[in-house]
Amino acid sequence: MTAVGARLLDVVIPAIGSPAGVALNAGSELGMLFPPPRPTRRPHPTPPTLSA
């Protein structure tokens, strides 16, 4: 598979199958690192209230 430019984030990262970080322009002074996303925690559902 080959992907270049803007398609990299759309094609390659989802194909990895797990959270992954991305380094952009790693060899320049303007390079940036985007770490892998943290897993989100789903809130617990609110238990139903009992009416008397």
PDB file of N, CA and C in Angstrom:
ATOM      1  N   MET A   1       0.850  -1.172   0.000  1.00  0.00           N
ATOM      2  CA  MET A   1       0.000   0.000   0.000  1.00  0.00           C
ATOM      3  C   MET A   1       0.894   1.233   0.000  1.00  0.00           C
ATOM      4  N   THR A   2       0.536   2.229  -0.770  1.00  0.00           N
ATOM      5  CA  THR A   2       1.269   3.486  -0.816  1.00  0.00           C
ATOM      6  C   THR A   2       0.289   4.620  -0.605  1.00  0.00           C
ATOM      7  N   ALA A   3       0.650   5.545   0.278  1.00  0.00           N
ATOM      8  CA  ALA A   3      -0.168   6.741   0.505  1.00  0.00           C
ATOM      9  C   ALA A   3       0.779   7.901   0.750  1.00  0.00           C
ATOM     10  N   VAL A   4       0.482   9.035   0.185  1.00  0.00           N
ATOM     11  CA  VAL A   4       1.325  10.212   0.355  1.00  0.00           C
ATOM     12  C   VAL A   4       0.490  11.393   0.801  1.00  0.00           C
ATOM     13  N   GLY A   5       1.151  12.349   1.415  1.00  0.00           N
ATOM     14  CA  GLY A   5       0.518  13.608   1.782  1.00  0.00           C
ATOM     15  C   GLY A   5      -0.650  13.441   2.732  1.00  0.00           C
ATOM     16  N   ALA A   6      -1.716  14.158   2.442  1.00  0.00           N
ATOM     17  CA  ALA A   6      -2.886  14.186   3.318  1.00  0.00           C
ATOM     18  C   ALA A   6      -3.550  12.820   3.431  1.00  0.00           C
ATOM     19  N   ARG A   7      -3.379  11.960   2.451  1.00  0.00           N
ATOM     20  CA  ARG A   7      -3.998  10.635   2.483  1.00  0.00           C
ATOM     21  C   ARG A   7      -3.367   9.727   3.532  1.00  0.00           C
ATOM     22  N   LEU A   8      -2.185  10.092   4.012  1.00  0.00           N
ATOM     23  CA  LEU A   8      -1.508   9.264   5.004  1.00  0.00           C
ATOM     24  C   LEU A   8      -2.392   9.042   6.223  1.00  0.00           C
ATOM     25  N   LEU A   9      -2.956  10.105   6.752  1.00  0.00           N
ATOM     26  CA  LEU A   9      -3.802   9.979   7.943  1.00  0.00           C
ATOM     27  C   LEU A   9      -5.104   9.257   7.644  1.00  0.00           C
ATOM     28  N   ASP A  10      -5.599   9.373   6.438  1.00  0.00           N
ATOM     29  CA  ASP A  10      -6.864   8.733   6.070  1.00  0.00           C
ATOM     30  C   ASP A  10      -6.715   7.253   5.756  1.00  0.00           C
ATOM     31  N   VAL A  11      -5.556   6.834   5.280  1.00  0.00           N
ATOM     32  CA  VAL A  11      -5.382   5.467   4.794  1.00  0.00           C
ATOM     33  C   VAL A  11      -4.494   4.626   5.710  1.00  0.00           C
ATOM     34  N   VAL A  12      -3.301   5.101   5.978  1.00  0.00           N
ATOM     35  CA  VAL A  12      -2.316   4.276   6.670  1.00  0.00           C
ATOM     36  C   VAL A  12      -2.622   4.114   8.155  1.00  0.00           C
ATOM     37  N   ILE A  13      -2.941   5.179   8.849  1.00  0.00           N
ATOM     38  CA  ILE A  13      -3.168   5.094  10.291  1.00  0.00           C
ATOM     39  C   ILE A  13      -4.324   4.138  10.626  1.00  0.00           C
ATOM     40  N   PRO A  14      -5.490   4.216   9.971  1.00  0.00           N
ATOM     41  CA  PRO A  14      -6.542   3.236  10.278  1.00  0.00           C
ATOM     42  C   PRO A  14      -6.133   1.797   9.941  1.00  0.00           C
ATOM     43  N   ALA A  15      -5.261   1.610   8.958  1.00  0.00           N
ATOM     44  CA  ALA A  15      -4.845   0.267   8.578  1.00  0.00           C
ATOM     45  C   ALA A  15      -3.954  -0.380   9.632  1.00  0.00           C
ATOM     46  N   ILE A  16      -3.351   0.403  10.515  1.00  0.00           N
ATOM     47  CA  ILE A  16      -2.489  -0.145  11.561  1.00  0.00           C
ATOM     48  C   ILE A  16      -3.303  -1.000  12.524  1.00  0.00           C
ATOM     49  N   GLY A  17      -4.511  -0.579  12.828  1.00  0.00           N
ATOM     50  CA  GLY A  17      -5.386  -1.385  13.669  1.00  0.00           C
ATOM     51  C   GLY A  17      -5.250  -1.152  15.156  1.00  0.00           C
ATOM     52  N   SER A  18      -4.382  -0.245  15.567  1.00  0.00           N
ATOM     53  CA  SER A  18      -4.251   0.099  16.979  1.00  0.00           C
ATOM     54  C   SER A  18      -3.853   1.571  17.061  1.00  0.00           C
ATOM     55  N   PRO A  19      -4.005   2.191  18.239  1.00  0.00           N
ATOM     56  CA  PRO A  19      -3.633   3.598  18.351  1.00  0.00           C
ATOM     57  C   PRO A  19      -2.173   3.820  17.937  1.00  0.00           C
ATOM     58  N   ALA A  20      -1.930   4.858  17.165  1.00  0.00           N
ATOM     59  CA  ALA A  20      -0.575   5.142  16.683  1.00  0.00           C
ATOM     60  C   ALA A  20      -0.327   6.635  16.703  1.00  0.00           C
ATOM     61  N   GLY A  21       0.896   7.018  16.997  1.00  0.00           N
ATOM     62  CA  GLY A  21       1.290   8.420  16.938  1.00  0.00           C
ATOM     63  C   GLY A  21       1.763   8.762  15.536  1.00  0.00           C
ATOM     64  N   VAL A  22       1.859  10.058  15.262  1.00  0.00           N
ATOM     65  CA  VAL A  22       2.287  10.530  13.951  1.00  0.00           C
ATOM     66  C   VAL A  22       3.330  11.613  14.144  1.00  0.00           C
ATOM     67  N   ALA A  23       4.445  11.515  13.426  1.00  0.00           N
ATOM     68  CA  ALA A  23       5.469  12.558  13.418  1.00  0.00           C
ATOM     69  C   ALA A  23       5.417  13.251  12.063  1.00  0.00           C
ATOM     70  N   LEU A  24       5.293  14.571  12.091  1.00  0.00           N
ATOM     71  CA  LEU A  24       5.256  15.359  10.852  1.00  0.00           C
ATOM     72  C   LEU A  24       6.520  16.205  10.771  1.00  0.00           C
ATOM     73  N   ASN A  25       7.170  16.189   9.633  1.00  0.00           N
ATOM     74  CA  ASN A  25       8.395  16.960   9.403  1.00  0.00           C
ATOM     75  C   ASN A  25       9.418  16.697  10.499  1.00  0.00           C
ATOM     76  N   ALA A  26       9.656  15.435  10.781  1.00  0.00           N
ATOM     77  CA  ALA A  26      10.515  15.043  11.903  1.00  0.00           C
ATOM     78  C   ALA A  26      11.931  15.602  11.792  1.00  0.00           C
ATOM     79  N   GLY A  27      12.439  15.840  10.622  1.00  0.00           N
ATOM     80  CA  GLY A  27      13.807  16.321  10.463  1.00  0.00           C
ATOM     81  C   GLY A  27      13.954  17.824  10.406  1.00  0.00           C
ATOM     82  N   SER A  28      12.891  18.569  10.603  1.00  0.00           N
ATOM     83  CA  SER A  28      12.987  20.024  10.499  1.00  0.00           C
ATOM     84  C   SER A  28      12.783  20.687  11.852  1.00  0.00           C
ATOM     85  N   GLU A  29      13.049  21.971  11.904  1.00  0.00           N
ATOM     86  CA  GLU A  29      12.830  22.734  13.134  1.00  0.00           C
ATOM     87  C   GLU A  29      11.344  22.879  13.451  1.00  0.00           C
ATOM     88  N   LEU A  30      10.500  22.707  12.463  1.00  0.00           N
ATOM     89  CA  LEU A  30       9.056  22.866  12.650  1.00  0.00           C
ATOM     90  C   LEU A  30       8.359  21.515  12.856  1.00  0.00           C
ATOM     91  N   GLY A  31       9.141  20.477  13.095  1.00  0.00           N
ATOM     92  CA  GLY A  31       8.556  19.150  13.260  1.00  0.00           C
ATOM     93  C   GLY A  31       7.599  19.085  14.441  1.00  0.00           C
ATOM     94  N   MET A  32       6.598  18.229  14.325  1.00  0.00           N
ATOM     95  CA  MET A  32       5.612  18.060  15.389  1.00  0.00           C
ATOM     96  C   MET A  32       5.361  16.574  15.607  1.00  0.00           C
ATOM     97  N   LEU A  33       5.006  16.238  16.826  1.00  0.00           N
ATOM     98  CA  LEU A  33       4.671  14.862  17.167  1.00  0.00           C
ATOM     99  C   LEU A  33       3.271  14.839  17.747  1.00  0.00           C
ATOM    100  N   PHE A  34       2.437  14.007  17.181  1.00  0.00           N
ATOM    101  CA  PHE A  34       1.082  13.800  17.686  1.00  0.00           C
ATOM    102  C   PHE A  34       1.050  12.415  18.310  1.00  0.00           C
ATOM    103  N   PRO A  35       0.976  12.324  19.636  1.00  0.00           N
ATOM    104  CA  PRO A  35       1.003  11.016  20.288  1.00  0.00           C
ATOM    105  C   PRO A  35      -0.269  10.229  20.012  1.00  0.00           C
ATOM    106  N   PRO A  36      -0.239   8.926  20.284  1.00  0.00           N
ATOM    107  CA  PRO A  36      -1.452   8.130  20.096  1.00  0.00           C
ATOM    108  C   PRO A  36      -2.564   8.635  20.997  1.00  0.00           C
ATOM    109  N   PRO A  37      -3.795   8.554  20.546  1.00  0.00           N
ATOM    110  CA  PRO A  37      -4.900   9.003  21.400  1.00  0.00           C
ATOM    111  C   PRO A  37      -5.056   8.086  22.603  1.00  0.00           C
ATOM    112  N   ARG A  38      -5.467   8.660  23.696  1.00  0.00           N
ATOM    113  CA  ARG A  38      -5.761   7.865  24.889  1.00  0.00           C
ATOM    114  C   ARG A  38      -7.128   7.227  24.729  1.00  0.00           C
ATOM    115  N   PRO A  39      -7.296   6.032  25.237  1.00  0.00           N
ATOM    116  CA  PRO A  39      -8.631   5.428  25.167  1.00  0.00           C
ATOM    117  C   PRO A  39      -9.622   6.251  25.982  1.00  0.00           C
ATOM    118  N   THR A  40     -10.793   6.410  25.460  1.00  0.00           N
ATOM    119  CA  THR A  40     -11.815   7.160  26.188  1.00  0.00           C
ATOM    120  C   THR A  40     -12.567   6.224  27.110  1.00  0.00           C
ATOM    121  N   ARG A  41     -12.906   6.739  28.257  1.00  0.00           N
ATOM    122  CA  ARG A  41     -13.688   5.947  29.209  1.00  0.00           C
ATOM    123  C   ARG A  41     -15.146   6.310  29.046  1.00  0.00           C
ATOM    124  N   ARG A  42     -15.951   5.294  28.878  1.00  0.00           N
ATOM    125  CA  ARG A  42     -17.386   5.543  28.757  1.00  0.00           C
ATOM    126  C   ARG A  42     -17.973   5.744  30.137  1.00  0.00           C
ATOM    127  N   PRO A  43     -18.826   6.756  30.293  1.00  0.00           N
ATOM    128  CA  PRO A  43     -19.444   6.960  31.608  1.00  0.00           C
ATOM    129  C   PRO A  43     -20.405   5.815  31.938  1.00  0.00           C
ATOM    130  N   HIS A  44     -20.483   5.514  33.192  1.00  0.00           N
ATOM    131  CA  HIS A  44     -21.419   4.483  33.625  1.00  0.00           C
ATOM    132  C   HIS A  44     -22.841   4.993  33.449  1.00  0.00           C
ATOM    133  N   PRO A  45     -23.736   4.138  32.993  1.00  0.00           N
ATOM    134  CA  PRO A  45     -25.122   4.600  32.851  1.00  0.00           C
ATOM    135  C   PRO A  45     -25.723   4.895  34.225  1.00  0.00           C
ATOM    136  N   THR A  46     -26.577   5.874  34.269  1.00  0.00           N
ATOM    137  CA  THR A  46     -27.240   6.237  35.510  1.00  0.00           C
ATOM    138  C   THR A  46     -28.281   5.169  35.830  1.00  0.00           C
ATOM    139  N   PRO A  47     -28.225   4.626  37.057  1.00  0.00           N
ATOM    140  CA  PRO A  47     -29.226   3.600  37.393  1.00  0.00           C
ATOM    141  C   PRO A  47     -30.614   4.213  37.455  1.00  0.00           C
ATOM    142  N   PRO A  48     -31.632   3.450  37.113  1.00  0.00           N
ATOM    143  CA  PRO A  48     -33.000   3.990  37.158  1.00  0.00           C
ATOM    144  C   PRO A  48     -33.383   4.267  38.626  1.00  0.00           C
ATOM    145  N   THR A  49     -34.178   5.271  38.804  1.00  0.00           N
ATOM    146  CA  THR A  49     -34.637   5.597  40.147  1.00  0.00           C
ATOM    147  C   THR A  49     -35.898   4.805  40.448  1.00  0.00           C
ATOM    148  N   LEU A  50     -36.018   4.384  41.671  1.00  0.00           N
ATOM    149  CA  LEU A  50     -37.203   3.635  42.096  1.00  0.00           C
ATOM    150  C   LEU A  50     -38.210   4.594  42.679  1.00  0.00           C
ATOM    151  N   SER A  51     -39.429   4.512  42.234  1.00  0.00           N
ATOM    152  CA  SER A  51     -40.476   5.375  42.786  1.00  0.00           C
ATOM    153  C   SER A  51     -41.298   4.558  43.785  1.00  0.00           C
ATOM    154  N   ALA A  52     -41.670   5.215  44.846  1.00  0.00           N
ATOM    155  CA  ALA A  52     -42.404   4.517  45.909  1.00  0.00           C
ATOM    156  C   ALA A  52     -43.878   4.404  45.623  1.00  0.00           C
TER     157      ALA A  52
END
